Amino acid sequence: MAVGHYQFSAVRNLAALTITHVKQAAPKIYSRELVDVIFDLPYCRIQKLVERDIAGRQAASRYLKQLVEIGVLEERTVGRDKLFIHPKLMHLLTRDENAITAYS
């Protein structure tokens, strides 16, 4: 699938929406680095936050679980791994439409 200009624009808009939502709903864990890492791929692992020096393993787990609680990510267990899926980003990357819905 070719990624067009509109999809990049939609991803940027989603990132801005996510930043605003996390700042309001979870200000204690907000950092631009945390939001950036969940936009690297449509999924994230605890280890990714540790590798990026965003947080130690326990704090990284807490941060990702809090992002699940506020509706940004969904937690899924795959084998022994916990993956934190970014459903809105996944939607933009896998569909032709660029509609973004607000976080609830």
PDB file of N, CA and C in Angstrom:
ATOM      1  N   MET A   1       0.839  -1.174   0.000  1.00  0.00           N
ATOM      2  CA  MET A   1       0.000   0.000   0.000  1.00  0.00           C
ATOM      3  C   MET A   1       0.885   1.239   0.000  1.00  0.00           C
ATOM      4  N   ALA A   2       0.634   2.120  -0.888  1.00  0.00           N
ATOM      5  CA  ALA A   2       1.388   3.360  -0.941  1.00  0.00           C
ATOM      6  C   ALA A   2       0.842   4.325   0.099  1.00  0.00           C
ATOM      7  N   VAL A   3       1.736   4.972   0.792  1.00  0.00           N
ATOM      8  CA  VAL A   3       1.322   5.939   1.803  1.00  0.00           C
ATOM      9  C   VAL A   3       1.362   7.311   1.166  1.00  0.00           C
ATOM     10  N   GLY A   4       0.228   7.952   1.100  1.00  0.00           N
ATOM     11  CA  GLY A   4       0.137   9.247   0.443  1.00  0.00           C
ATOM     12  C   GLY A   4       0.269  10.400   1.414  1.00  0.00           C
ATOM     13  N   HIS A   5       0.279  11.582   0.844  1.00  0.00           N
ATOM     14  CA  HIS A   5       0.390  12.824   1.618  1.00  0.00           C
ATOM     15  C   HIS A   5      -0.698  12.923   2.678  1.00  0.00           C
ATOM     16  N   TYR A   6      -1.912  12.543   2.319  1.00  0.00           N
ATOM     17  CA  TYR A   6      -3.026  12.662   3.257  1.00  0.00           C
ATOM     18  C   TYR A   6      -2.849  11.744   4.457  1.00  0.00           C
ATOM     19  N   GLN A   7      -2.261  10.574   4.253  1.00  0.00           N
ATOM     20  CA  GLN A   7      -2.038   9.670   5.384  1.00  0.00           C
ATOM     21  C   GLN A   7      -0.998  10.244   6.337  1.00  0.00           C
ATOM     22  N   PHE A   8       0.058  10.844   5.802  1.00  0.00           N
ATOM     23  CA  PHE A   8       1.047  11.474   6.676  1.00  0.00           C
ATOM     24  C   PHE A   8       0.403  12.604   7.468  1.00  0.00           C
ATOM     25  N   SER A   9      -0.422  13.379   6.813  1.00  0.00           N
ATOM     26  CA  SER A   9      -1.125  14.462   7.477  1.00  0.00           C
ATOM     27  C   SER A   9      -2.039  13.912   8.568  1.00  0.00           C
ATOM     28  N   ALA A  10      -2.733  12.828   8.280  1.00  0.00           N
ATOM     29  CA  ALA A  10      -3.623  12.207   9.267  1.00  0.00           C
ATOM     30  C   ALA A  10      -2.826  11.688  10.462  1.00  0.00           C
ATOM     31  N   VAL A  11      -1.648  11.108  10.222  1.00  0.00           N
ATOM     32  CA  VAL A  11      -0.805  10.614  11.320  1.00  0.00           C
ATOM     33  C   VAL A  11      -0.331  11.788  12.170  1.00  0.00           C
ATOM     34  N   ARG A  12       0.063  12.881  11.540  1.00  0.00           N
ATOM     35  CA  ARG A  12       0.468  14.083  12.297  1.00  0.00           C
ATOM     36  C   ARG A  12      -0.692  14.613  13.135  1.00  0.00           C
ATOM     37  N   ASN A  13      -1.888  14.635  12.549  1.00  0.00           N
ATOM     38  CA  ASN A  13      -3.068  15.095  13.284  1.00  0.00           C
ATOM     39  C   ASN A  13      -3.366  14.175  14.465  1.00  0.00           C
ATOM     40  N   LEU A  14      -3.231  12.877  14.250  1.00  0.00           N
ATOM     41  CA  LEU A  14      -3.455  11.914  15.329  1.00  0.00           C
ATOM     42  C   LEU A  14      -2.416  12.114  16.431  1.00  0.00           C
ATOM     43  N   ALA A  15      -1.173  12.370  16.063  1.00  0.00           N
ATOM     44  CA  ALA A  15      -0.120  12.602  17.064  1.00  0.00           C
ATOM     45  C   ALA A  15      -0.462  13.829  17.906  1.00  0.00           C
ATOM     46  N   ALA A  16      -0.909  14.896  17.276  1.00  0.00           N
ATOM     47  CA  ALA A  16      -1.285  16.112  18.006  1.00  0.00           C
ATOM     48  C   ALA A  16      -2.465  15.840  18.938  1.00  0.00           C
ATOM     49  N   LEU A  17      -3.455  15.105  18.462  1.00  0.00           N
ATOM     50  CA  LEU A  17      -4.613  14.735  19.275  1.00  0.00           C
ATOM     51  C   LEU A  17      -4.179  13.885  20.474  1.00  0.00           C
ATOM     52  N   THR A  18      -3.249  12.962  20.226  1.00  0.00           N
ATOM     53  CA  THR A  18      -2.762  12.073  21.281  1.00  0.00           C
ATOM     54  C   THR A  18      -1.996  12.860  22.334  1.00  0.00           C
ATOM     55  N   ILE A  19      -1.160  13.778  21.915  1.00  0.00           N
ATOM     56  CA  ILE A  19      -0.414  14.614  22.857  1.00  0.00           C
ATOM     57  C   ILE A  19      -1.375  15.365  23.765  1.00  0.00           C
ATOM     58  N   THR A  20      -2.372  16.000  23.182  1.00  0.00           N
ATOM     59  CA  THR A  20      -3.354  16.754  23.960  1.00  0.00           C
ATOM     60  C   THR A  20      -4.088  15.842  24.937  1.00  0.00           C
ATOM     61  N   HIS A  21      -4.509  14.680  24.459  1.00  0.00           N
ATOM     62  CA  HIS A  21      -5.261  13.743  25.302  1.00  0.00           C
ATOM     63  C   HIS A  21      -4.408  13.236  26.470  1.00  0.00           C
ATOM     64  N   VAL A  22      -3.176  12.842  26.199  1.00  0.00           N
ATOM     65  CA  VAL A  22      -2.314  12.312  27.264  1.00  0.00           C
ATOM     66  C   VAL A  22      -1.991  13.416  28.274  1.00  0.00           C
ATOM     67  N   LYS A  23      -1.723  14.633  27.800  1.00  0.00           N
ATOM     68  CA  LYS A  23      -1.450  15.748  28.720  1.00  0.00           C
ATOM     69  C   LYS A  23      -2.627  15.974  29.666  1.00  0.00           C
ATOM     70  N   GLN A  24      -3.851  15.852  29.140  1.00  0.00           N
ATOM     71  CA  GLN A  24      -5.038  16.106  29.965  1.00  0.00           C
ATOM     72  C   GLN A  24      -5.398  14.914  30.841  1.00  0.00           C
ATOM     73  N   ALA A  25      -5.352  13.711  30.278  1.00  0.00           N
ATOM     74  CA  ALA A  25      -5.838  12.524  30.985  1.00  0.00           C
ATOM     75  C   ALA A  25      -4.783  11.864  31.874  1.00  0.00           C
ATOM     76  N   ALA A  26      -3.506  12.058  31.548  1.00  0.00           N
ATOM     77  CA  ALA A  26      -2.428  11.419  32.328  1.00  0.00           C
ATOM     78  C   ALA A  26      -1.208  12.339  32.395  1.00  0.00           C
ATOM     79  N   PRO A  27      -1.378  13.533  32.961  1.00  0.00           N
ATOM     80  CA  PRO A  27      -0.275  14.501  32.948  1.00  0.00           C
ATOM     81  C   PRO A  27       0.983  14.036  33.676  1.00  0.00           C
ATOM     82  N   LYS A  28       0.841  13.156  34.661  1.00  0.00           N
ATOM     83  CA  LYS A  28       2.017  12.706  35.416  1.00  0.00           C
ATOM     84  C   LYS A  28       2.951  11.835  34.586  1.00  0.00           C
ATOM     85  N   ILE A  29       2.422  11.163  33.563  1.00  0.00           N
ATOM     86  CA  ILE A  29       3.296  10.313  32.752  1.00  0.00           C
ATOM     87  C   ILE A  29       3.639  10.945  31.408  1.00  0.00           C
ATOM     88  N   TYR A  30       3.007  12.071  31.077  1.00  0.00           N
ATOM     89  CA  TYR A  30       3.223  12.655  29.757  1.00  0.00           C
ATOM     90  C   TYR A  30       4.673  13.067  29.545  1.00  0.00           C
ATOM     91  N   SER A  31       5.189  12.693  28.394  1.00  0.00           N
ATOM     92  CA  SER A  31       6.423  13.264  27.853  1.00  0.00           C
ATOM     93  C   SER A  31       6.318  13.128  26.343  1.00  0.00           C
ATOM     94  N   ARG A  32       6.940  14.051  25.640  1.00  0.00           N
ATOM     95  CA  ARG A  32       6.903  13.992  24.178  1.00  0.00           C
ATOM     96  C   ARG A  32       7.579  12.708  23.705  1.00  0.00           C
ATOM     97  N   GLU A  33       8.627  12.272  24.396  1.00  0.00           N
ATOM     98  CA  GLU A  33       9.346  11.051  24.028  1.00  0.00           C
ATOM     99  C   GLU A  33       8.437   9.822  24.140  1.00  0.00           C
ATOM    100  N   LEU A  34       7.602   9.796  25.171  1.00  0.00           N
ATOM    101  CA  LEU A  34       6.674   8.675  25.336  1.00  0.00           C
ATOM    102  C   LEU A  34       5.685   8.630  24.179  1.00  0.00           C
ATOM    103  N   VAL A  35       5.108   9.762  23.840  1.00  0.00           N
ATOM    104  CA  VAL A  35       4.153   9.791  22.728  1.00  0.00           C
ATOM    105  C   VAL A  35       4.860   9.445  21.419  1.00  0.00           C
ATOM    106  N   ASP A  36       6.054   9.974  21.223  1.00  0.00           N
ATOM    107  CA  ASP A  36       6.795   9.658  19.986  1.00  0.00           C
ATOM    108  C   ASP A  36       7.028   8.165  19.825  1.00  0.00           C
ATOM    109  N   VAL A  37       7.381   7.478  20.914  1.00  0.00           N
ATOM    110  CA  VAL A  37       7.698   6.055  20.806  1.00  0.00           C
ATOM    111  C   VAL A  37       6.464   5.234  20.432  1.00  0.00           C
ATOM    112  N   ILE A  38       5.270   5.660  20.850  1.00  0.00           N
ATOM    113  CA  ILE A  38       4.083   4.885  20.477  1.00  0.00           C
ATOM    114  C   ILE A  38       3.655   5.164  19.043  1.00  0.00           C
ATOM    115  N   PHE A  39       4.327   6.106  18.388  1.00  0.00           N
ATOM    116  CA  PHE A  39       4.069   6.354  16.968  1.00  0.00           C
ATOM    117  C   PHE A  39       5.154   5.757  16.070  1.00  0.00           C
ATOM    118  N   ASP A  40       6.200   5.163  16.661  1.00  0.00           N
ATOM    119  CA  ASP A  40       7.239   4.519  15.848  1.00  0.00           C
ATOM    120  C   ASP A  40       6.648   3.372  15.031  1.00  0.00           C
ATOM    121  N   LEU A  41       5.831   2.579  15.679  1.00  0.00           N
ATOM    122  CA  LEU A  41       5.140   1.438  15.075  1.00  0.00           C
ATOM    123  C   LEU A  41       3.723   1.437  15.640  1.00  0.00           C
ATOM    124  N   PRO A  42       2.801   0.718  15.019  1.00  0.00           N
ATOM    125  CA  PRO A  42       1.443   0.686  15.582  1.00  0.00           C
ATOM    126  C   PRO A  42       1.327  -0.177  16.838  1.00  0.00           C
ATOM    127  N   TYR A  43       2.465  -0.685  17.328  1.00  0.00           N
ATOM    128  CA  TYR A  43       2.469  -1.429  18.580  1.00  0.00           C
ATOM    129  C   TYR A  43       3.752  -1.091  19.330  1.00  0.00           C
ATOM    130  N   CYS A  44       3.762  -1.355  20.623  1.00  0.00           N
ATOM    131  CA  CYS A  44       4.923  -1.036  21.448  1.00  0.00           C
ATOM    132  C   CYS A  44       5.097  -2.130  22.486  1.00  0.00           C
ATOM    133  N   ARG A  45       6.325  -2.367  22.881  1.00  0.00           N
ATOM    134  CA  ARG A  45       6.653  -3.286  23.980  1.00  0.00           C
ATOM    135  C   ARG A  45       7.270  -2.478  25.115  1.00  0.00           C
ATOM    136  N   ILE A  46       7.186  -3.002  26.312  1.00  0.00           N
ATOM    137  CA  ILE A  46       7.786  -2.365  27.486  1.00  0.00           C
ATOM    138  C   ILE A  46       9.268  -2.094  27.222  1.00  0.00           C
ATOM    139  N   GLN A  47       9.938  -3.066  26.637  1.00  0.00           N
ATOM    140  CA  GLN A  47      11.378  -2.962  26.386  1.00  0.00           C
ATOM    141  C   GLN A  47      11.732  -1.745  25.534  1.00  0.00           C
ATOM    142  N   LYS A  48      10.851  -1.340  24.642  1.00  0.00           N
ATOM    143  CA  LYS A  48      11.121  -0.187  23.771  1.00  0.00           C
ATOM    144  C   LYS A  48      11.295   1.090  24.601  1.00  0.00           C
ATOM    145  N   LEU A  49      10.471   1.254  25.629  1.00  0.00           N
ATOM    146  CA  LEU A  49      10.591   2.422  26.499  1.00  0.00           C
ATOM    147  C   LEU A  49      11.880   2.368  27.307  1.00  0.00           C
ATOM    148  N   VAL A  50      12.261   1.159  27.723  1.00  0.00           N
ATOM    149  CA  VAL A  50      13.508   0.986  28.472  1.00  0.00           C
ATOM    150  C   VAL A  50      14.696   1.320  27.572  1.00  0.00           C
ATOM    151  N   GLU A  51      14.688   0.800  26.340  1.00  0.00           N
ATOM    152  CA  GLU A  51      15.791   1.048  25.394  1.00  0.00           C
ATOM    153  C   GLU A  51      15.943   2.526  25.076  1.00  0.00           C
ATOM    154  N   ARG A  52      14.853   3.254  25.036  1.00  0.00           N
ATOM    155  CA  ARG A  52      14.881   4.686  24.727  1.00  0.00           C
ATOM    156  C   ARG A  52      15.165   5.554  25.957  1.00  0.00           C
ATOM    157  N   ASP A  53      15.436   4.914  27.097  1.00  0.00           N
ATOM    158  CA  ASP A  53      15.704   5.626  28.351  1.00  0.00           C
ATOM    159  C   ASP A  53      14.547   6.525  28.784  1.00  0.00           C
ATOM    160  N   ILE A  54      13.329   6.109  28.462  1.00  0.00           N
ATOM    161  CA  ILE A  54      12.149   6.849  28.891  1.00  0.00           C
ATOM    162  C   ILE A  54      11.807   6.478  30.326  1.00  0.00           C
ATOM    163  N   ALA A  55      12.005   5.189  30.647  1.00  0.00           N
ATOM    164  CA  ALA A  55      11.679   4.704  31.993  1.00  0.00           C
ATOM    165  C   ALA A  55      12.316   3.345  32.206  1.00  0.00           C
ATOM    166  N   GLY A  56      12.465   2.967  33.485  1.00  0.00           N
ATOM    167  CA  GLY A  56      12.880   1.609  33.818  1.00  0.00           C
ATOM    168  C   GLY A  56      11.735   0.649  33.514  1.00  0.00           C
ATOM    169  N   ARG A  57      11.993  -0.632  33.627  1.00  0.00           N
ATOM    170  CA  ARG A  57      11.006  -1.642  33.231  1.00  0.00           C
ATOM    171  C   ARG A  57       9.669  -1.499  33.965  1.00  0.00           C
ATOM    172  N   GLN A  58       9.693  -1.343  35.287  1.00  0.00           N
ATOM    173  CA  GLN A  58       8.442  -1.238  36.049  1.00  0.00           C
ATOM    174  C   GLN A  58       7.673   0.027  35.700  1.00  0.00           C
ATOM    175  N   ALA A  59       8.367   1.137  35.605  1.00  0.00           N
ATOM    176  CA  ALA A  59       7.708   2.392  35.245  1.00  0.00           C
ATOM    177  C   ALA A  59       7.176   2.332  33.819  1.00  0.00           C
ATOM    178  N   ALA A  60       7.940   1.742  32.913  1.00  0.00           N
ATOM    179  CA  ALA A  60       7.498   1.613  31.518  1.00  0.00           C
ATOM    180  C   ALA A  60       6.209   0.804  31.448  1.00  0.00           C
ATOM    181  N   SER A  61       6.145  -0.268  32.202  1.00  0.00           N
ATOM    182  CA  SER A  61       4.936  -1.082  32.259  1.00  0.00           C
ATOM    183  C   SER A  61       3.761  -0.256  32.772  1.00  0.00           C
ATOM    184  N   ARG A  62       3.999   0.521  33.815  1.00  0.00           N
ATOM    185  CA  ARG A  62       2.961   1.391  34.387  1.00  0.00           C
ATOM    186  C   ARG A  62       2.492   2.433  33.372  1.00  0.00           C
ATOM    187  N   TYR A  63       3.432   3.039  32.661  1.00  0.00           N
ATOM    188  CA  TYR A  63       3.090   4.064  31.671  1.00  0.00           C
ATOM    189  C   TYR A  63       2.202   3.484  30.575  1.00  0.00           C
ATOM    190  N   LEU A  64       2.611   2.331  30.045  1.00  0.00           N
ATOM    191  CA  LEU A  64       1.839   1.726  28.960  1.00  0.00           C
ATOM    192  C   LEU A  64       0.458   1.298  29.443  1.00  0.00           C
ATOM    193  N   LYS A  65       0.383   0.763  30.651  1.00  0.00           N
ATOM    194  CA  LYS A  65      -0.924   0.365  31.202  1.00  0.00           C
ATOM    195  C   LYS A  65      -1.810   1.598  31.430  1.00  0.00           C
ATOM    196  N   GLN A  66      -1.209   2.714  31.803  1.00  0.00           N
ATOM    197  CA  GLN A  66      -2.005   3.931  31.977  1.00  0.00           C
ATOM    198  C   GLN A  66      -2.504   4.435  30.626  1.00  0.00           C
ATOM    199  N   LEU A  67      -1.693   4.282  29.575  1.00  0.00           N
ATOM    200  CA  LEU A  67      -2.153   4.659  28.238  1.00  0.00           C
ATOM    201  C   LEU A  67      -3.305   3.767  27.788  1.00  0.00           C
ATOM    202  N   VAL A  68      -3.314   2.514  28.251  1.00  0.00           N
ATOM    203  CA  VAL A  68      -4.455   1.621  27.988  1.00  0.00           C
ATOM    204  C   VAL A  68      -5.682   2.164  28.729  1.00  0.00           C
ATOM    205  N   GLU A  69      -5.512   2.524  29.998  1.00  0.00           N
ATOM    206  CA  GLU A  69      -6.626   3.010  30.822  1.00  0.00           C
ATOM    207  C   GLU A  69      -7.284   4.258  30.240  1.00  0.00           C
ATOM    208  N   ILE A  70      -6.498   5.120  29.597  1.00  0.00           N
ATOM    209  CA  ILE A  70      -7.073   6.352  29.049  1.00  0.00           C
ATOM    210  C   ILE A  70      -7.465   6.202  27.577  1.00  0.00           C
ATOM    211  N   GLY A  71      -7.401   4.990  27.059  1.00  0.00           N
ATOM    212  CA  GLY A  71      -7.928   4.724  25.723  1.00  0.00           C
ATOM    213  C   GLY A  71      -6.996   4.956  24.557  1.00  0.00           C
ATOM    214  N   VAL A  72      -5.701   5.170  24.814  1.00  0.00           N
ATOM    215  CA  VAL A  72      -4.759   5.389  23.714  1.00  0.00           C
ATOM    216  C   VAL A  72      -4.285   4.055  23.137  1.00  0.00           C
ATOM    217  N   LEU A  73      -3.969   3.105  24.006  1.00  0.00           N
ATOM    218  CA  LEU A  73      -3.454   1.809  23.574  1.00  0.00           C
ATOM    219  C   LEU A  73      -4.391   0.688  24.011  1.00  0.00           C
ATOM    220  N   GLU A  74      -4.208  -0.483  23.399  1.00  0.00           N
ATOM    221  CA  GLU A  74      -4.873  -1.713  23.818  1.00  0.00           C
ATOM    222  C   GLU A  74      -3.788  -2.733  24.126  1.00  0.00           C
ATOM    223  N   GLU A  75      -3.938  -3.447  25.236  1.00  0.00           N
ATOM    224  CA  GLU A  75      -2.947  -4.448  25.626  1.00  0.00           C
ATOM    225  C   GLU A  75      -3.346  -5.811  25.079  1.00  0.00           C
ATOM    226  N   ARG A  76      -2.372  -6.491  24.475  1.00  0.00           N
ATOM    227  CA  ARG A  76      -2.603  -7.852  23.985  1.00  0.00           C
ATOM    228  C   ARG A  76      -1.418  -8.718  24.375  1.00  0.00           C
ATOM    229  N   THR A  77      -1.710  -9.956  24.755  1.00  0.00           N
ATOM    230  CA  THR A  77      -0.650 -10.901  25.066  1.00  0.00           C
ATOM    231  C   THR A  77      -0.448 -11.794  23.856  1.00  0.00           C
ATOM    232  N   VAL A  78       0.792 -11.843  23.390  1.00  0.00           N
ATOM    233  CA  VAL A  78       1.161 -12.672  22.242  1.00  0.00           C
ATOM    234  C   VAL A  78       2.295 -13.565  22.719  1.00  0.00           C
ATOM    235  N   GLY A  79       1.986 -14.847  22.952  1.00  0.00           N
ATOM    236  CA  GLY A  79       2.976 -15.741  23.544  1.00  0.00           C
ATOM    237  C   GLY A  79       3.305 -15.235  24.932  1.00  0.00           C
ATOM    238  N   ARG A  80       4.582 -14.991  25.186  1.00  0.00           N
ATOM    239  CA  ARG A  80       5.002 -14.456  26.489  1.00  0.00           C
ATOM    240  C   ARG A  80       5.124 -12.943  26.477  1.00  0.00           C
ATOM    241  N   ASP A  81       4.952 -12.345  25.310  1.00  0.00           N
ATOM    242  CA  ASP A  81       5.094 -10.894  25.176  1.00  0.00           C
ATOM    243  C   ASP A  81       3.783 -10.172  25.407  1.00  0.00           C
ATOM    244  N   LYS A  82       3.893  -8.983  25.990  1.00  0.00           N
ATOM    245  CA  LYS A  82       2.768  -8.073  26.057  1.00  0.00           C
ATOM    246  C   LYS A  82       3.006  -7.010  25.003  1.00  0.00           C
ATOM    247  N   LEU A  83       2.043  -6.879  24.107  1.00  0.00           N
ATOM    248  CA  LEU A  83       2.113  -5.839  23.090  1.00  0.00           C
ATOM    249  C   LEU A  83       1.068  -4.788  23.416  1.00  0.00           C
ATOM    250  N   PHE A  84       1.423  -3.564  23.189  1.00  0.00           N
ATOM    251  CA  PHE A  84       0.503  -2.458  23.399  1.00  0.00           C
ATOM    252  C   PHE A  84       0.224  -1.861  22.023  1.00  0.00           C
ATOM    253  N   ILE A  85      -0.974  -2.124  21.537  1.00  0.00           N
ATOM    254  CA  ILE A  85      -1.379  -1.751  20.184  1.00  0.00           C
ATOM    255  C   ILE A  85      -1.974  -0.348  20.196  1.00  0.00           C
ATOM    256  N   HIS A  86      -1.639   0.426  19.191  1.00  0.00           N
ATOM    257  CA  HIS A  86      -2.203   1.769  19.022  1.00  0.00           C
ATOM    258  C   HIS A  86      -3.287   1.644  17.945  1.00  0.00           C
ATOM    259  N   PRO A  87      -4.551   1.372  18.328  1.00  0.00           N
ATOM    260  CA  PRO A  87      -5.587   1.063  17.344  1.00  0.00           C
ATOM    261  C   PRO A  87      -5.877   2.194  16.360  1.00  0.00           C
ATOM    262  N   LYS A  88      -5.812   3.431  16.800  1.00  0.00           N
ATOM    263  CA  LYS A  88      -6.082   4.540  15.881  1.00  0.00           C
ATOM    264  C   LYS A  88      -4.986   4.645  14.821  1.00  0.00           C
ATOM    265  N   LEU A  89      -3.744   4.442  15.210  1.00  0.00           N
ATOM    266  CA  LEU A  89      -2.643   4.461  14.244  1.00  0.00           C
ATOM    267  C   LEU A  89      -2.751   3.261  13.308  1.00  0.00           C
ATOM    268  N   MET A  90      -3.056   2.102  13.862  1.00  0.00           N
ATOM    269  CA  MET A  90      -3.228   0.900  13.041  1.00  0.00           C
ATOM    270  C   MET A  90      -4.317   1.128  11.990  1.00  0.00           C
ATOM    271  N   HIS A  91      -5.393   1.765  12.395  1.00  0.00           N
ATOM    272  CA  HIS A  91      -6.500   2.050  11.483  1.00  0.00           C
ATOM    273  C   HIS A  91      -6.030   2.936  10.326  1.00  0.00           C
ATOM    274  N   LEU A  92      -5.283   3.993  10.650  1.00  0.00           N
ATOM    275  CA  LEU A  92      -4.796   4.891   9.594  1.00  0.00           C
ATOM    276  C   LEU A  92      -3.860   4.192   8.628  1.00  0.00           C
ATOM    277  N   LEU A  93      -3.045   3.279   9.139  1.00  0.00           N
ATOM    278  CA  LEU A  93      -2.051   2.613   8.297  1.00  0.00           C
ATOM    279  C   LEU A  93      -2.624   1.475   7.460  1.00  0.00           C
ATOM    280  N   THR A  94      -3.784   0.966   7.834  1.00  0.00           N
ATOM    281  CA  THR A  94      -4.317  -0.201   7.134  1.00  0.00           C
ATOM    282  C   THR A  94      -5.584   0.081   6.328  1.00  0.00           C
ATOM    283  N   ARG A  95      -6.074   1.292   6.384  1.00  0.00           N
ATOM    284  CA  ARG A  95      -7.296   1.624   5.649  1.00  0.00           C
ATOM    285  C   ARG A  95      -7.050   2.830   4.756  1.00  0.00           C
ATOM    286  N   ASP A  96      -7.858   2.958   3.751  1.00  0.00           N
ATOM    287  CA  ASP A  96      -7.716   4.098   2.834  1.00  0.00           C
ATOM    288  C   ASP A  96      -8.291   5.391   3.401  1.00  0.00           C
ATOM    289  N   GLU A  97      -9.186   5.268   4.371  1.00  0.00           N
ATOM    290  CA  GLU A  97      -9.772   6.476   4.927  1.00  0.00           C
ATOM    291  C   GLU A  97      -8.830   7.100   5.960  1.00  0.00           C
ATOM    292  N   ASN A  98      -8.941   8.399   6.131  1.00  0.00           N
ATOM    293  CA  ASN A  98      -8.063   9.117   7.047  1.00  0.00           C
ATOM    294  C   ASN A  98      -8.816   9.736   8.203  1.00  0.00           C
ATOM    295  N   ALA A  99      -9.993   9.227   8.484  1.00  0.00           N
ATOM    296  CA  ALA A  99     -10.807   9.776   9.579  1.00  0.00           C
ATOM    297  C   ALA A  99     -10.183   9.431  10.930  1.00  0.00           C
ATOM    298  N   ILE A 100     -10.152  10.415  11.796  1.00  0.00           N
ATOM    299  CA  ILE A 100      -9.629  10.229  13.135  1.00  0.00           C
ATOM    300  C   ILE A 100     -10.755  10.546  14.121  1.00  0.00           C
ATOM    301  N   THR A 101     -10.984   9.625  15.028  1.00  0.00           N
ATOM    302  CA  THR A 101     -11.993   9.856  16.045  1.00  0.00           C
ATOM    303  C   THR A 101     -11.321  10.305  17.334  1.00  0.00           C
ATOM    304  N   ALA A 102     -12.032  11.099  18.097  1.00  0.00           N
ATOM    305  CA  ALA A 102     -11.493  11.595  19.366  1.00  0.00           C
ATOM    306  C   ALA A 102     -11.366  10.438  20.361  1.00  0.00           C
ATOM    307  N   TYR A 103     -10.470  10.618  21.309  1.00  0.00           N
ATOM    308  CA  TYR A 103     -10.363   9.658  22.410  1.00  0.00           C
ATOM    309  C   TYR A 103     -11.560   9.868  23.321  1.00  0.00           C
ATOM    310  N   SER A 104     -12.054   8.775  23.888  1.00  0.00           N
ATOM    311  CA  SER A 104     -13.217   8.946  24.775  1.00  0.00           C
ATOM    312  C   SER A 104     -12.824   8.786  26.214  1.00  0.00           C
TER     313      SER A 104
END
